[in-house]
Amino acid sequence: MGISAIKAQLSIQTVLNHYNLSPDRNDRLNCPWHNDKTPSLQIYPKTNTWTSTVLRSL
């Protein structure tokens, strides 16, 4: 099963729930891939996508 097939079957919210991650009211959370003092991971539930302001700058 490829990544696109997995993405088609799972919503981003389902994946976040699996890892016990909960976005705030602005759909942001601390990025699990590095130490955050402020939320840098932006979730877009309508498009089933995400972006990290820190990872994008690397």
C-alpha atoms as a PDB file:
ATOM      1  CA  MET A   1       0.000   0.000   0.000  1.00  0.00           C
ATOM      2  CA  GLY A   2       1.452   3.351  -1.046  1.00  0.00           C
ATOM      3  CA  ILE A   3       1.378   6.659   0.798  1.00  0.00           C
ATOM      4  CA  SER A   4      -1.352   8.108  -1.436  1.00  0.00           C
ATOM      5  CA  ALA A   5      -3.574   5.073  -0.735  1.00  0.00           C
ATOM      6  CA  ILE A   6      -3.038   5.488   3.013  1.00  0.00           C
ATOM      7  CA  LYS A   7      -3.806   9.210   2.813  1.00  0.00           C
ATOM      8  CA  ALA A   8      -6.994   8.451   0.875  1.00  0.00           C
ATOM      9  CA  GLN A   9      -8.188   6.047   3.590  1.00  0.00           C
ATOM     10  CA  LEU A  10      -7.203   7.962   6.740  1.00  0.00           C
ATOM     11  CA  SER A  11      -8.139  11.490   7.696  1.00  0.00           C
ATOM     12  CA  ILE A  12      -5.528  13.638   9.386  1.00  0.00           C
ATOM     13  CA  GLN A  13      -7.796  13.749  12.444  1.00  0.00           C
ATOM     14  CA  THR A  14      -7.773   9.940  12.649  1.00  0.00           C
ATOM     15  CA  VAL A  15      -3.967   9.911  12.590  1.00  0.00           C
ATOM     16  CA  LEU A  16      -3.750  12.642  15.235  1.00  0.00           C
ATOM     17  CA  ASN A  17      -6.171  10.741  17.475  1.00  0.00           C
ATOM     18  CA  HIS A  18      -4.113   7.564  17.075  1.00  0.00           C
ATOM     19  CA  TYR A  19      -1.020   9.388  18.402  1.00  0.00           C
ATOM     20  CA  ASN A  20      -3.010  11.239  21.104  1.00  0.00           C
ATOM     21  CA  LEU A  21      -2.288  14.601  19.489  1.00  0.00           C
ATOM     22  CA  SER A  22      -4.891  17.326  19.859  1.00  0.00           C
ATOM     23  CA  PRO A  23      -4.747  20.615  17.929  1.00  0.00           C
ATOM     24  CA  ASP A  24      -5.797  23.818  19.666  1.00  0.00           C
ATOM     25  CA  ARG A  25      -8.803  25.910  18.582  1.00  0.00           C
ATOM     26  CA  ASN A  26      -6.727  27.320  15.706  1.00  0.00           C
ATOM     27  CA  ASP A  27      -5.800  23.822  14.484  1.00  0.00           C
ATOM     28  CA  ARG A  28      -2.194  24.174  15.656  1.00  0.00           C
ATOM     29  CA  LEU A  29      -0.110  21.945  17.881  1.00  0.00           C
ATOM     30  CA  ASN A  30       3.450  21.443  18.981  1.00  0.00           C
ATOM     31  CA  CYS A  31       5.305  19.554  16.300  1.00  0.00           C
ATOM     32  CA  PRO A  32       6.110  15.982  17.403  1.00  0.00           C
ATOM     33  CA  TRP A  33       9.354  15.906  15.344  1.00  0.00           C
ATOM     34  CA  HIS A  34      11.219  18.591  17.338  1.00  0.00           C
ATOM     35  CA  ASN A  35      11.008  20.521  20.603  1.00  0.00           C
ATOM     36  CA  ASP A  36       8.497  23.344  20.373  1.00  0.00           C
ATOM     37  CA  LYS A  37       7.830  26.093  22.873  1.00  0.00           C
ATOM     38  CA  THR A  38       4.960  27.378  20.756  1.00  0.00           C
ATOM     39  CA  PRO A  39       2.806  25.435  18.284  1.00  0.00           C
ATOM     40  CA  SER A  40       4.411  25.287  14.851  1.00  0.00           C
ATOM     41  CA  LEU A  41       2.421  22.467  13.244  1.00  0.00           C
ATOM     42  CA  GLN A  42      -0.640  23.760  11.391  1.00  0.00           C
ATOM     43  CA  ILE A  43      -3.378  21.249  10.578  1.00  0.00           C
ATOM     44  CA  TYR A  44      -5.857  21.782   7.735  1.00  0.00           C
ATOM     45  CA  PRO A  45      -8.697  19.293   8.362  1.00  0.00           C
ATOM     46  CA  LYS A  46     -10.761  20.394   5.335  1.00  0.00           C
ATOM     47  CA  THR A  47      -7.942  19.540   2.913  1.00  0.00           C
ATOM     48  CA  ASN A  48      -6.486  16.722   5.045  1.00  0.00           C
ATOM     49  CA  THR A  49      -3.044  18.376   5.001  1.00  0.00           C
ATOM     50  CA  TRP A  50      -0.538  19.925   7.395  1.00  0.00           C
ATOM     51  CA  THR A  51       2.517  22.162   7.417  1.00  0.00           C
ATOM     52  CA  SER A  52       5.215  22.975   9.960  1.00  0.00           C
ATOM     53  CA  THR A  53       6.685  26.458  10.012  1.00  0.00           C
ATOM     54  CA  VAL A  54       9.926  25.058  11.474  1.00  0.00           C
ATOM     55  CA  LEU A  55      10.315  22.107   9.091  1.00  0.00           C
ATOM     56  CA  ARG A  56       9.512  24.339   6.124  1.00  0.00           C
ATOM     57  CA  SER A  57      12.438  26.624   7.024  1.00  0.00           C
ATOM     58  CA  LEU A  58      15.001  23.783   7.139  1.00  0.00           C
END
